[in-house]
Amino acid sequence: MSAVAAPVDVRQHILDVAYPLFLRKGFTAVGLAELLAAAQVPKGSFYHYFGSKEAFGEAVLEAYFTEYLARVDSLLAAPGSAAARLMAFFDDWLDSQTGDEAQSRCLVVKLGAEVSDLSESMRAALARGSRGVILRLARCIEQGHADGSVPAALTTPDAQAVSLYQSWLGASLLAKITRDHSPLNTVMTSTRQLLGLAHMSA
């Protein structure tokens, strides 16, 4: 670690260290002493950037969604039809739930139920981030209706996006509970059907 580090780098370093800890253990199980030891920073540095553990948790979620939404933007802006771009997004989601590192690398799946009753600010951060994902999906679905790659539906693109997001979030949580990928395979099949891509191989 350099003798003179930019303040923003120290703050980001603490956030980066917290992410895998929260994924593995949850929010409440990670104590400040463990976090400081992992980040190798003194307690004063932590409280310089974060007024409380709750404020820190909110900052972790905001940093997570900033990075994640940038990834979503990249996936949904790739060349190809809107349906193909949507499938790239859901393929990426599937990979994030079934990789070797963890059953899920999604903080919404890991922390959603735990912190929503614990912290209003963290719940609000989760809600804002989730809404950001839904808005991007809805925009791409609308593009799919325009380019003909996504079949028209009785519901609006926003309602379709909400339904898809809820289905994937529920399947991800159920896969975590059962330690079985079947719920994810099921939601992938239903997503292909909804997008008119049921002929595509799994």
Protein backbone atom coordinates (compact mmCIF):
# COMPACT_ATOMS: atom_id res chain seq x y z
CA MET A 1 0.00 0.00 0.00
CA SER A 2 1.53 3.35 -1.00
CA ALA A 3 2.29 5.91 1.68
CA VAL A 4 0.09 8.52 0.01
CA ALA A 5 -3.18 7.03 -1.22
CA ALA A 6 -5.99 9.09 -2.65
CA PRO A 7 -8.91 9.23 -0.18
CA VAL A 8 -11.35 7.86 -2.73
CA ASP A 9 -9.09 4.86 -3.24
CA VAL A 10 -9.18 4.00 0.47
CA ARG A 11 -12.96 4.31 0.52
CA GLN A 12 -13.32 2.14 -2.57
CA HIS A 13 -10.87 -0.39 -1.17
CA ILE A 14 -13.02 -0.83 1.94
CA LEU A 15 -16.13 -1.26 -0.24
CA ASP A 16 -14.35 -3.79 -2.45
CA VAL A 17 -13.24 -5.84 0.54
CA ALA A 18 -16.75 -5.86 1.99
CA TYR A 19 -18.42 -7.24 -1.13
CA PRO A 20 -17.13 -10.86 -0.92
CA LEU A 21 -17.55 -10.84 2.86
CA PHE A 22 -21.21 -9.84 2.54
CA LEU A 23 -21.76 -12.41 -0.21
CA ARG A 24 -20.34 -15.16 1.95
CA LYS A 25 -21.68 -14.25 5.39
CA GLY A 26 -24.42 -11.65 5.00
CA PHE A 27 -24.53 -8.18 6.52
CA THR A 28 -25.07 -8.70 10.25
CA ALA A 29 -22.55 -11.55 10.54
CA VAL A 30 -19.68 -9.39 9.32
CA GLY A 31 -18.30 -7.48 12.28
CA LEU A 32 -16.36 -4.25 12.05
CA ALA A 33 -13.22 -5.88 13.44
CA GLU A 34 -13.31 -8.55 10.72
CA LEU A 35 -13.84 -5.95 8.01
CA LEU A 36 -11.01 -3.73 9.25
CA ALA A 37 -8.65 -6.69 9.47
CA ALA A 38 -9.53 -7.79 5.94
CA ALA A 39 -9.14 -4.26 4.56
CA GLN A 40 -6.06 -3.57 6.70
CA VAL A 41 -7.25 -0.11 7.65
CA PRO A 42 -7.67 1.47 11.10
CA LYS A 43 -11.06 2.10 12.65
CA GLY A 44 -10.58 5.84 12.21
CA SER A 45 -10.38 5.43 8.45
CA PHE A 46 -13.66 3.55 8.40
CA TYR A 47 -15.51 6.22 10.36
CA HIS A 48 -13.91 8.95 8.27
CA TYR A 49 -15.74 7.64 5.22
CA PHE A 50 -18.79 6.00 6.79
CA GLY A 51 -20.73 7.35 9.75
CA SER A 52 -22.10 3.97 10.77
CA LYS A 53 -22.24 0.35 9.68
CA GLU A 54 -25.71 1.02 8.24
CA ALA A 55 -24.38 3.89 6.13
CA PHE A 56 -21.55 1.63 5.07
CA GLY A 57 -24.00 -1.09 4.03
CA GLU A 58 -25.90 1.44 1.93
CA ALA A 59 -22.64 2.55 0.30
CA VAL A 60 -21.72 -1.07 -0.51
CA LEU A 61 -25.08 -1.58 -2.20
CA GLU A 62 -24.82 1.67 -4.15
CA ALA A 63 -21.32 0.76 -5.34
CA TYR A 64 -22.53 -2.72 -6.28
CA PHE A 65 -25.42 -1.37 -8.35
CA THR A 66 -23.25 1.27 -10.03
CA GLU A 67 -21.00 -1.48 -11.35
CA TYR A 68 -23.82 -3.91 -12.05
CA LEU A 69 -25.98 -1.43 -13.96
CA ALA A 70 -22.99 -0.51 -16.10
CA ARG A 71 -22.67 -4.20 -16.96
CA VAL A 72 -26.40 -4.38 -17.75
CA ASP A 73 -26.06 -1.34 -20.02
CA SER A 74 -23.19 -3.01 -21.85
CA LEU A 75 -25.09 -6.28 -22.35
CA LEU A 76 -28.27 -4.55 -23.53
CA ALA A 77 -26.40 -2.24 -25.91
CA ALA A 78 -24.57 -5.02 -27.74
CA PRO A 79 -25.19 -5.61 -31.46
CA GLY A 80 -28.11 -7.80 -32.44
CA SER A 81 -31.83 -7.94 -31.93
CA ALA A 82 -33.40 -6.82 -28.69
CA ALA A 83 -34.40 -10.41 -27.93
CA ALA A 84 -30.82 -11.59 -28.36
CA ARG A 85 -29.57 -8.81 -26.07
CA LEU A 86 -32.15 -9.73 -23.43
CA MET A 87 -31.06 -13.36 -23.62
CA ALA A 88 -27.44 -12.28 -23.19
CA PHE A 89 -28.50 -10.52 -20.00
CA PHE A 90 -30.30 -13.57 -18.64
CA ASP A 91 -27.46 -15.88 -19.68
CA ASP A 92 -25.18 -13.62 -17.66
CA TRP A 93 -27.58 -13.78 -14.71
CA LEU A 94 -27.60 -17.58 -14.92
CA ASP A 95 -23.79 -17.65 -14.94
CA SER A 96 -23.71 -15.42 -11.85
CA GLN A 97 -25.83 -17.94 -9.94
CA THR A 98 -24.07 -21.11 -10.99
CA GLY A 99 -20.38 -20.22 -11.02
CA ASP A 100 -17.75 -21.97 -8.94
CA GLU A 101 -17.10 -19.02 -6.62
CA ALA A 102 -20.54 -19.03 -5.01
CA GLN A 103 -24.08 -20.13 -5.61
CA SER A 104 -24.90 -16.47 -6.15
CA ARG A 105 -22.79 -13.39 -6.71
CA CYS A 106 -25.84 -11.13 -6.40
CA LEU A 107 -26.16 -8.92 -3.33
CA VAL A 108 -29.91 -8.57 -3.92
CA VAL A 109 -30.34 -12.32 -3.52
CA LYS A 110 -27.95 -12.49 -0.58
CA LEU A 111 -29.02 -9.43 1.42
CA GLY A 112 -32.55 -8.59 0.27
CA ALA A 113 -34.56 -10.35 2.96
CA GLU A 114 -31.96 -9.75 5.67
CA VAL A 115 -31.53 -5.99 5.44
CA SER A 116 -34.94 -4.84 4.21
CA ASP A 117 -36.39 -5.19 7.71
CA LEU A 118 -33.16 -4.08 9.36
CA SER A 119 -32.36 -0.81 7.59
CA GLU A 120 -34.64 1.53 5.69
CA SER A 121 -31.72 3.17 3.89
CA MET A 122 -30.37 -0.19 2.73
CA ARG A 123 -33.86 -1.30 1.68
CA ALA A 124 -34.21 1.89 -0.33
CA ALA A 125 -30.82 1.31 -1.99
CA LEU A 126 -31.93 -2.19 -2.99
CA ALA A 127 -35.21 -0.81 -4.34
CA ARG A 128 -33.46 1.90 -6.38
CA GLY A 129 -30.98 -0.55 -7.86
CA SER A 130 -33.64 -3.12 -8.68
CA ARG A 131 -35.76 -0.46 -10.33
CA GLY A 132 -32.75 0.51 -12.42
CA VAL A 133 -32.50 -3.04 -13.73
CA ILE A 134 -36.24 -3.20 -14.45
CA LEU A 135 -36.21 0.10 -16.35
CA ARG A 136 -33.38 -1.14 -18.56
CA LEU A 137 -35.15 -4.42 -19.25
CA ALA A 138 -38.39 -2.58 -20.07
CA ARG A 139 -36.55 -0.32 -22.52
CA CYS A 140 -35.03 -3.32 -24.28
CA ILE A 141 -38.37 -5.15 -24.39
CA GLU A 142 -39.93 -2.06 -25.97
CA GLN A 143 -37.15 -2.09 -28.56
CA GLY A 144 -37.90 -5.76 -29.14
CA HIS A 145 -41.53 -4.96 -29.85
CA ALA A 146 -40.36 -2.32 -32.32
CA ASP A 147 -37.86 -4.55 -34.15
CA GLY A 148 -40.21 -7.57 -34.08
CA SER A 149 -37.84 -9.81 -32.11
CA VAL A 150 -40.02 -9.85 -28.95
CA PRO A 151 -43.68 -10.83 -29.41
CA ALA A 152 -46.24 -8.21 -28.47
CA ALA A 153 -47.97 -8.88 -25.16
CA LEU A 154 -51.16 -7.83 -23.43
CA THR A 155 -49.08 -6.13 -20.72
CA THR A 156 -46.75 -3.14 -21.03
CA PRO A 157 -42.96 -3.51 -21.41
CA ASP A 158 -42.59 -2.28 -17.84
CA ALA A 159 -44.98 -4.96 -16.55
CA GLN A 160 -43.14 -7.61 -18.57
CA ALA A 161 -39.83 -6.43 -17.15
CA VAL A 162 -41.16 -6.55 -13.59
CA SER A 163 -42.48 -10.06 -14.18
CA LEU A 164 -39.16 -11.26 -15.58
CA TYR A 165 -37.13 -9.67 -12.81
CA GLN A 166 -39.39 -11.07 -10.10
CA SER A 167 -39.25 -14.53 -11.68
CA TRP A 168 -35.46 -14.54 -11.88
CA LEU A 169 -35.05 -13.16 -8.38
CA GLY A 170 -37.40 -15.79 -6.99
CA ALA A 171 -35.71 -18.59 -8.91
CA SER A 172 -32.29 -17.44 -7.72
CA LEU A 173 -33.43 -17.42 -4.11
CA LEU A 174 -35.09 -20.83 -4.46
CA ALA A 175 -31.95 -22.26 -6.06
CA LYS A 176 -29.99 -20.96 -3.07
CA ILE A 177 -32.44 -22.50 -0.61
CA THR A 178 -32.57 -25.89 -2.34
CA ARG A 179 -28.97 -25.88 -3.57
CA ASP A 180 -30.39 -27.05 -6.85
CA HIS A 181 -30.18 -25.28 -10.22
CA SER A 182 -33.57 -26.57 -11.38
CA PRO A 183 -35.45 -23.32 -10.57
CA LEU A 184 -32.97 -21.41 -12.73
CA ASN A 185 -33.37 -23.85 -15.60
CA THR A 186 -37.15 -23.52 -15.32
CA VAL A 187 -37.10 -19.72 -15.38
CA MET A 188 -34.73 -19.75 -18.34
CA THR A 189 -37.16 -21.92 -20.27
CA SER A 190 -40.10 -19.66 -19.46
CA THR A 191 -38.04 -16.60 -20.39
CA ARG A 192 -37.25 -18.05 -23.82
CA GLN A 193 -40.94 -18.76 -24.33
CA LEU A 194 -41.91 -15.24 -23.33
CA LEU A 195 -39.33 -13.77 -25.71
CA GLY A 196 -40.39 -16.06 -28.53
CA LEU A 197 -37.08 -17.93 -28.44
CA ALA A 198 -38.26 -21.30 -27.17
CA HIS A 199 -36.49 -22.97 -30.12
CA MET A 200 -33.09 -21.86 -28.80
CA SER A 201 -31.06 -24.51 -27.00
CA ALA A 202 -30.51 -24.20 -23.26
